[in-house]
Amino acid sequence: MDSLFLLIPLSIVVIGLVVFLFLWAVRSGQFDDLEGPAHDIFNDEKADKSTPGKSVEPNKKL
């Protein structure tokens, strides 16, 4: 019974933290485009703009 006095408030704090982190992720746009990155793997022609020095062209020297 004594352990419930510790575990119940601790679980409420953990649930509050999870809800806060979920709302932060939704507001910051983490779930805006779920399908775009999955379809980018099929586009071989598109160069990767985020990594400088990488290119899809095989004849280009780095």
PDB file of N, CA and C in Angstrom:
ATOM      1  N   MET A   1       0.816  -1.190   0.000  1.00  0.00           N
ATOM      2  CA  MET A   1       0.000   0.000   0.000  1.00  0.00           C
ATOM      3  C   MET A   1       0.862   1.257   0.000  1.00  0.00           C
ATOM      4  N   ASP A   2       1.988   1.193   0.706  1.00  0.00           N
ATOM      5  CA  ASP A   2       2.870   2.362   0.749  1.00  0.00           C
ATOM      6  C   ASP A   2       3.478   2.671  -0.613  1.00  0.00           C
ATOM      7  N   SER A   3       3.684   1.631  -1.419  1.00  0.00           N
ATOM      8  CA  SER A   3       4.274   1.863  -2.731  1.00  0.00           C
ATOM      9  C   SER A   3       3.315   2.601  -3.660  1.00  0.00           C
ATOM     10  N   LEU A   4       2.004   2.470  -3.425  1.00  0.00           N
ATOM     11  CA  LEU A   4       1.040   3.187  -4.253  1.00  0.00           C
ATOM     12  C   LEU A   4       1.128   4.696  -4.051  1.00  0.00           C
ATOM     13  N   PHE A   5       1.499   5.122  -2.861  1.00  0.00           N
ATOM     14  CA  PHE A   5       1.654   6.554  -2.602  1.00  0.00           C
ATOM     15  C   PHE A   5       2.815   7.145  -3.395  1.00  0.00           C
ATOM     16  N   LEU A   6       3.736   6.316  -3.812  1.00  0.00           N
ATOM     17  CA  LEU A   6       4.841   6.771  -4.654  1.00  0.00           C
ATOM     18  C   LEU A   6       4.523   6.565  -6.133  1.00  0.00           C
ATOM     19  N   LEU A   7       3.947   5.426  -6.474  1.00  0.00           N
ATOM     20  CA  LEU A   7       3.760   5.071  -7.879  1.00  0.00           C
ATOM     21  C   LEU A   7       2.655   5.864  -8.572  1.00  0.00           C
ATOM     22  N   ILE A   8       1.593   6.188  -7.877  1.00  0.00           N
ATOM     23  CA  ILE A   8       0.499   6.939  -8.505  1.00  0.00           C
ATOM     24  C   ILE A   8       0.930   8.359  -8.875  1.00  0.00           C
ATOM     25  N   PRO A   9       1.540   9.142  -7.986  1.00  0.00           N
ATOM     26  CA  PRO A   9       2.012  10.468  -8.416  1.00  0.00           C
ATOM     27  C   PRO A   9       3.113  10.389  -9.476  1.00  0.00           C
ATOM     28  N   LEU A  10       3.970   9.379  -9.394  1.00  0.00           N
ATOM     29  CA  LEU A  10       5.018   9.218 -10.389  1.00  0.00           C
ATOM     30  C   LEU A  10       4.423   8.913 -11.762  1.00  0.00           C
ATOM     31  N   SER A  11       3.404   8.083 -11.816  1.00  0.00           N
ATOM     32  CA  SER A  11       2.773   7.780 -13.101  1.00  0.00           C
ATOM     33  C   SER A  11       2.042   8.999 -13.664  1.00  0.00           C
ATOM     34  N   ILE A  12       1.461   9.817 -12.813  1.00  0.00           N
ATOM     35  CA  ILE A  12       0.798  11.038 -13.275  1.00  0.00           C
ATOM     36  C   ILE A  12       1.818  12.005 -13.880  1.00  0.00           C
ATOM     37  N   VAL A  13       2.987  12.110 -13.256  1.00  0.00           N
ATOM     38  CA  VAL A  13       4.048  12.964 -13.790  1.00  0.00           C
ATOM     39  C   VAL A  13       4.540  12.438 -15.133  1.00  0.00           C
ATOM     40  N   VAL A  14       4.711  11.132 -15.261  1.00  0.00           N
ATOM     41  CA  VAL A  14       5.174  10.545 -16.520  1.00  0.00           C
ATOM     42  C   VAL A  14       4.133  10.740 -17.621  1.00  0.00           C
ATOM     43  N   ILE A  15       2.863  10.563 -17.306  1.00  0.00           N
ATOM     44  CA  ILE A  15       1.803  10.779 -18.299  1.00  0.00           C
ATOM     45  C   ILE A  15       1.776  12.242 -18.731  1.00  0.00           C
ATOM     46  N   GLY A  16       1.943  13.158 -17.795  1.00  0.00           N
ATOM     47  CA  GLY A  16       1.996  14.578 -18.138  1.00  0.00           C
ATOM     48  C   GLY A  16       3.176  14.901 -19.041  1.00  0.00           C
ATOM     49  N   LEU A  17       4.313  14.283 -18.785  1.00  0.00           N
ATOM     50  CA  LEU A  17       5.493  14.502 -19.621  1.00  0.00           C
ATOM     51  C   LEU A  17       5.279  13.958 -21.028  1.00  0.00           C
ATOM     52  N   VAL A  18       4.664  12.794 -21.147  1.00  0.00           N
ATOM     53  CA  VAL A  18       4.396  12.208 -22.460  1.00  0.00           C
ATOM     54  C   VAL A  18       3.417  13.081 -23.244  1.00  0.00           C
ATOM     55  N   VAL A  19       2.383  13.578 -22.599  1.00  0.00           N
ATOM     56  CA  VAL A  19       1.415  14.451 -23.267  1.00  0.00           C
ATOM     57  C   VAL A  19       2.093  15.743 -23.704  1.00  0.00           C
ATOM     58  N   PHE A  20       2.933  16.313 -22.865  1.00  0.00           N
ATOM     59  CA  PHE A  20       3.656  17.539 -23.224  1.00  0.00           C
ATOM     60  C   PHE A  20       4.561  17.313 -24.429  1.00  0.00           C
ATOM     61  N   LEU A  21       5.310  16.219 -24.440  1.00  0.00           N
ATOM     62  CA  LEU A  21       6.206  15.934 -25.562  1.00  0.00           C
ATOM     63  C   LEU A  21       5.426  15.660 -26.852  1.00  0.00           C
ATOM     64  N   PHE A  22       4.297  14.987 -26.753  1.00  0.00           N
ATOM     65  CA  PHE A  22       3.476  14.746 -27.932  1.00  0.00           C
ATOM     66  C   PHE A  22       2.936  16.054 -28.497  1.00  0.00           C
ATOM     67  N   LEU A  23       2.415  16.926 -27.646  1.00  0.00           N
ATOM     68  CA  LEU A  23       1.903  18.210 -28.121  1.00  0.00           C
ATOM     69  C   LEU A  23       3.007  19.073 -28.706  1.00  0.00           C
ATOM     70  N   TRP A  24       4.188  19.026 -28.126  1.00  0.00           N
ATOM     71  CA  TRP A  24       5.329  19.760 -28.679  1.00  0.00           C
ATOM     72  C   TRP A  24       5.678  19.248 -30.074  1.00  0.00           C
ATOM     73  N   ALA A  25       5.672  17.932 -30.262  1.00  0.00           N
ATOM     74  CA  ALA A  25       5.998  17.350 -31.563  1.00  0.00           C
ATOM     75  C   ALA A  25       4.955  17.719 -32.611  1.00  0.00           C
ATOM     76  N   VAL A  26       3.692  17.745 -32.221  1.00  0.00           N
ATOM     77  CA  VAL A  26       2.638  18.105 -33.173  1.00  0.00           C
ATOM     78  C   VAL A  26       2.764  19.567 -33.563  1.00  0.00           C
ATOM     79  N   ARG A  27       3.014  20.431 -32.607  1.00  0.00           N
ATOM     80  CA  ARG A  27       3.110  21.873 -32.894  1.00  0.00           C
ATOM     81  C   ARG A  27       4.364  22.227 -33.681  1.00  0.00           C
ATOM     82  N   SER A  28       5.435  21.449 -33.521  1.00  0.00           N
ATOM     83  CA  SER A  28       6.675  21.768 -34.234  1.00  0.00           C
ATOM     84  C   SER A  28       6.718  21.162 -35.626  1.00  0.00           C
ATOM     85  N   GLY A  29       5.681  20.436 -36.023  1.00  0.00           N
ATOM     86  CA  GLY A  29       5.593  19.947 -37.396  1.00  0.00           C
ATOM     87  C   GLY A  29       6.239  18.600 -37.630  1.00  0.00           C
ATOM     88  N   GLN A  30       6.420  17.801 -36.622  1.00  0.00           N
ATOM     89  CA  GLN A  30       7.051  16.497 -36.784  1.00  0.00           C
ATOM     90  C   GLN A  30       6.176  15.525 -37.571  1.00  0.00           C
ATOM     91  N   PHE A  31       4.883  15.728 -37.590  1.00  0.00           N
ATOM     92  CA  PHE A  31       3.976  14.802 -38.254  1.00  0.00           C
ATOM     93  C   PHE A  31       3.347  15.401 -39.508  1.00  0.00           C
ATOM     94  N   ASP A  32       3.952  16.435 -40.083  1.00  0.00           N
ATOM     95  CA  ASP A  32       3.353  17.098 -41.238  1.00  0.00           C
ATOM     96  C   ASP A  32       3.392  16.233 -42.495  1.00  0.00           C
ATOM     97  N   ASP A  33       4.549  15.676 -42.834  1.00  0.00           N
ATOM     98  CA  ASP A  33       4.696  14.920 -44.065  1.00  0.00           C
ATOM     99  C   ASP A  33       5.222  13.527 -43.739  1.00  0.00           C
ATOM    100  N   LEU A  34       4.320  12.577 -43.594  1.00  0.00           N
ATOM    101  CA  LEU A  34       4.721  11.221 -43.241  1.00  0.00           C
ATOM    102  C   LEU A  34       5.053  10.375 -44.470  1.00  0.00           C
ATOM    103  N   GLU A  35       4.489  10.702 -45.620  1.00  0.00           N
ATOM    104  CA  GLU A  35       4.698   9.881 -46.807  1.00  0.00           C
ATOM    105  C   GLU A  35       5.797  10.405 -47.719  1.00  0.00           C
ATOM    106  N   GLY A  36       6.172  11.658 -47.604  1.00  0.00           N
ATOM    107  CA  GLY A  36       7.185  12.232 -48.488  1.00  0.00           C
ATOM    108  C   GLY A  36       8.537  11.544 -48.411  1.00  0.00           C
ATOM    109  N   PRO A  37       9.112  11.370 -47.227  1.00  0.00           N
ATOM    110  CA  PRO A  37      10.403  10.690 -47.154  1.00  0.00           C
ATOM    111  C   PRO A  37      10.355   9.235 -47.619  1.00  0.00           C
ATOM    112  N   ALA A  38       9.226   8.584 -47.472  1.00  0.00           N
ATOM    113  CA  ALA A  38       9.114   7.197 -47.929  1.00  0.00           C
ATOM    114  C   ALA A  38       9.107   7.117 -49.448  1.00  0.00           C
ATOM    115  N   HIS A  39       8.574   8.128 -50.118  1.00  0.00           N
ATOM    116  CA  HIS A  39       8.534   8.125 -51.579  1.00  0.00           C
ATOM    117  C   HIS A  39       9.812   8.691 -52.187  1.00  0.00           C
ATOM    118  N   ASP A  40      10.624   9.383 -51.428  1.00  0.00           N
ATOM    119  CA  ASP A  40      11.860   9.953 -51.961  1.00  0.00           C
ATOM    120  C   ASP A  40      12.867   8.887 -52.360  1.00  0.00           C
ATOM    121  N   ILE A  41      12.777   7.711 -51.804  1.00  0.00           N
ATOM    122  CA  ILE A  41      13.725   6.661 -52.142  1.00  0.00           C
ATOM    123  C   ILE A  41      13.556   6.199 -53.589  1.00  0.00           C
ATOM    124  N   PHE A  42      12.379   6.417 -54.172  1.00  0.00           N
ATOM    125  CA  PHE A  42      12.128   6.013 -55.548  1.00  0.00           C
ATOM    126  C   PHE A  42      12.609   7.046 -56.559  1.00  0.00           C
ATOM    127  N   ASN A  43      12.941   8.247 -56.126  1.00  0.00           N
ATOM    128  CA  ASN A  43      13.380   9.316 -57.014  1.00  0.00           C
ATOM    129  C   ASN A  43      14.897   9.308 -57.103  1.00  0.00           C
ATOM    130  N   ASP A  44      15.457   8.543 -58.040  1.00  0.00           N
ATOM    131  CA  ASP A  44      16.905   8.478 -58.202  1.00  0.00           C
ATOM    132  C   ASP A  44      17.470   9.720 -58.862  1.00  0.00           C
ATOM    133  N   GLU A  45      16.674  10.420 -59.654  1.00  0.00           N
ATOM    134  CA  GLU A  45      17.165  11.584 -60.381  1.00  0.00           C
ATOM    135  C   GLU A  45      17.399  12.787 -59.470  1.00  0.00           C
ATOM    136  N   LYS A  46      16.693  12.841 -58.380  1.00  0.00           N
ATOM    137  CA  LYS A  46      16.765  13.998 -57.489  1.00  0.00           C
ATOM    138  C   LYS A  46      18.035  13.932 -56.645  1.00  0.00           C
ATOM    139  N   ALA A  47      18.862  14.975 -56.714  1.00  0.00           N
ATOM    140  CA  ALA A  47      20.092  15.017 -55.919  1.00  0.00           C
ATOM    141  C   ALA A  47      19.761  15.343 -54.480  1.00  0.00           C
ATOM    142  N   ASP A  48      20.563  14.834 -53.574  1.00  0.00           N
ATOM    143  CA  ASP A  48      20.363  15.088 -52.152  1.00  0.00           C
ATOM    144  C   ASP A  48      20.912  16.470 -51.827  1.00  0.00           C
ATOM    145  N   LYS A  49      20.029  17.415 -51.564  1.00  0.00           N
ATOM    146  CA  LYS A  49      20.432  18.805 -51.298  1.00  0.00           C
ATOM    147  C   LYS A  49      20.929  19.002 -49.871  1.00  0.00           C
ATOM    148  N   SER A  50      20.582  18.095 -48.957  1.00  0.00           N
ATOM    149  CA  SER A  50      20.918  18.308 -47.559  1.00  0.00           C
ATOM    150  C   SER A  50      22.372  17.957 -47.253  1.00  0.00           C
ATOM    151  N   THR A  51      23.004  17.109 -48.074  1.00  0.00           N
ATOM    152  CA  THR A  51      24.378  16.713 -47.826  1.00  0.00           C
ATOM    153  C   THR A  51      25.270  17.307 -48.903  1.00  0.00           C
ATOM    154  N   PRO A  52      26.063  18.320 -48.579  1.00  0.00           N
ATOM    155  CA  PRO A  52      26.930  18.909 -49.589  1.00  0.00           C
ATOM    156  C   PRO A  52      28.017  17.920 -50.004  1.00  0.00           C
ATOM    157  N   GLY A  53      28.305  17.918 -51.305  1.00  0.00           N
ATOM    158  CA  GLY A  53      29.335  17.024 -51.809  1.00  0.00           C
ATOM    159  C   GLY A  53      28.792  15.719 -52.338  1.00  0.00           C
ATOM    160  N   LYS A  54      27.580  15.362 -52.013  1.00  0.00           N
ATOM    161  CA  LYS A  54      26.981  14.131 -52.521  1.00  0.00           C
ATOM    162  C   LYS A  54      26.193  14.453 -53.777  1.00  0.00           C
ATOM    163  N   SER A  55      26.291  13.575 -54.741  1.00  0.00           N
ATOM    164  CA  SER A  55      25.555  13.762 -55.976  1.00  0.00           C
ATOM    165  C   SER A  55      25.153  12.401 -56.509  1.00  0.00           C
ATOM    166  N   VAL A  56      24.091  12.398 -57.301  1.00  0.00           N
ATOM    167  CA  VAL A  56      23.600  11.167 -57.885  1.00  0.00           C
ATOM    168  C   VAL A  56      24.340  10.862 -59.173  1.00  0.00           C
ATOM    169  N   GLU A  57      24.937  11.892 -59.787  1.00  0.00           N
ATOM    170  CA  GLU A  57      25.623  11.726 -61.058  1.00  0.00           C
ATOM    171  C   GLU A  57      26.875  10.875 -60.869  1.00  0.00           C
ATOM    172  N   PRO A  58      27.034   9.769 -61.628  1.00  0.00           N
ATOM    173  CA  PRO A  58      28.187   8.889 -61.428  1.00  0.00           C
ATOM    174  C   PRO A  58      29.488   9.450 -61.969  1.00  0.00           C
ATOM    175  N   ASN A  59      29.450  10.381 -62.945  1.00  0.00           N
ATOM    176  CA  ASN A  59      30.672  10.911 -63.551  1.00  0.00           C
ATOM    177  C   ASN A  59      31.257  12.101 -62.815  1.00  0.00           C
ATOM    178  N   LYS A  60      30.571  12.607 -61.865  1.00  0.00           N
ATOM    179  CA  LYS A  60      31.034  13.789 -61.132  1.00  0.00           C
ATOM    180  C   LYS A  60      32.053  13.387 -60.079  1.00  0.00           C
ATOM    181  N   LYS A  61      33.194  14.050 -60.091  1.00  0.00           N
ATOM    182  CA  LYS A  61      34.260  13.799 -59.107  1.00  0.00           C
ATOM    183  C   LYS A  61      34.007  14.622 -57.854  1.00  0.00           C
ATOM    184  N   LEU A  62      34.229  14.014 -56.715  1.00  0.00           N
ATOM    185  CA  LEU A  62      34.016  14.731 -55.456  1.00  0.00           C
ATOM    186  C   LEU A  62      35.284  15.402 -55.006  1.00  0.00           C
TER     187      LEU A  62
END
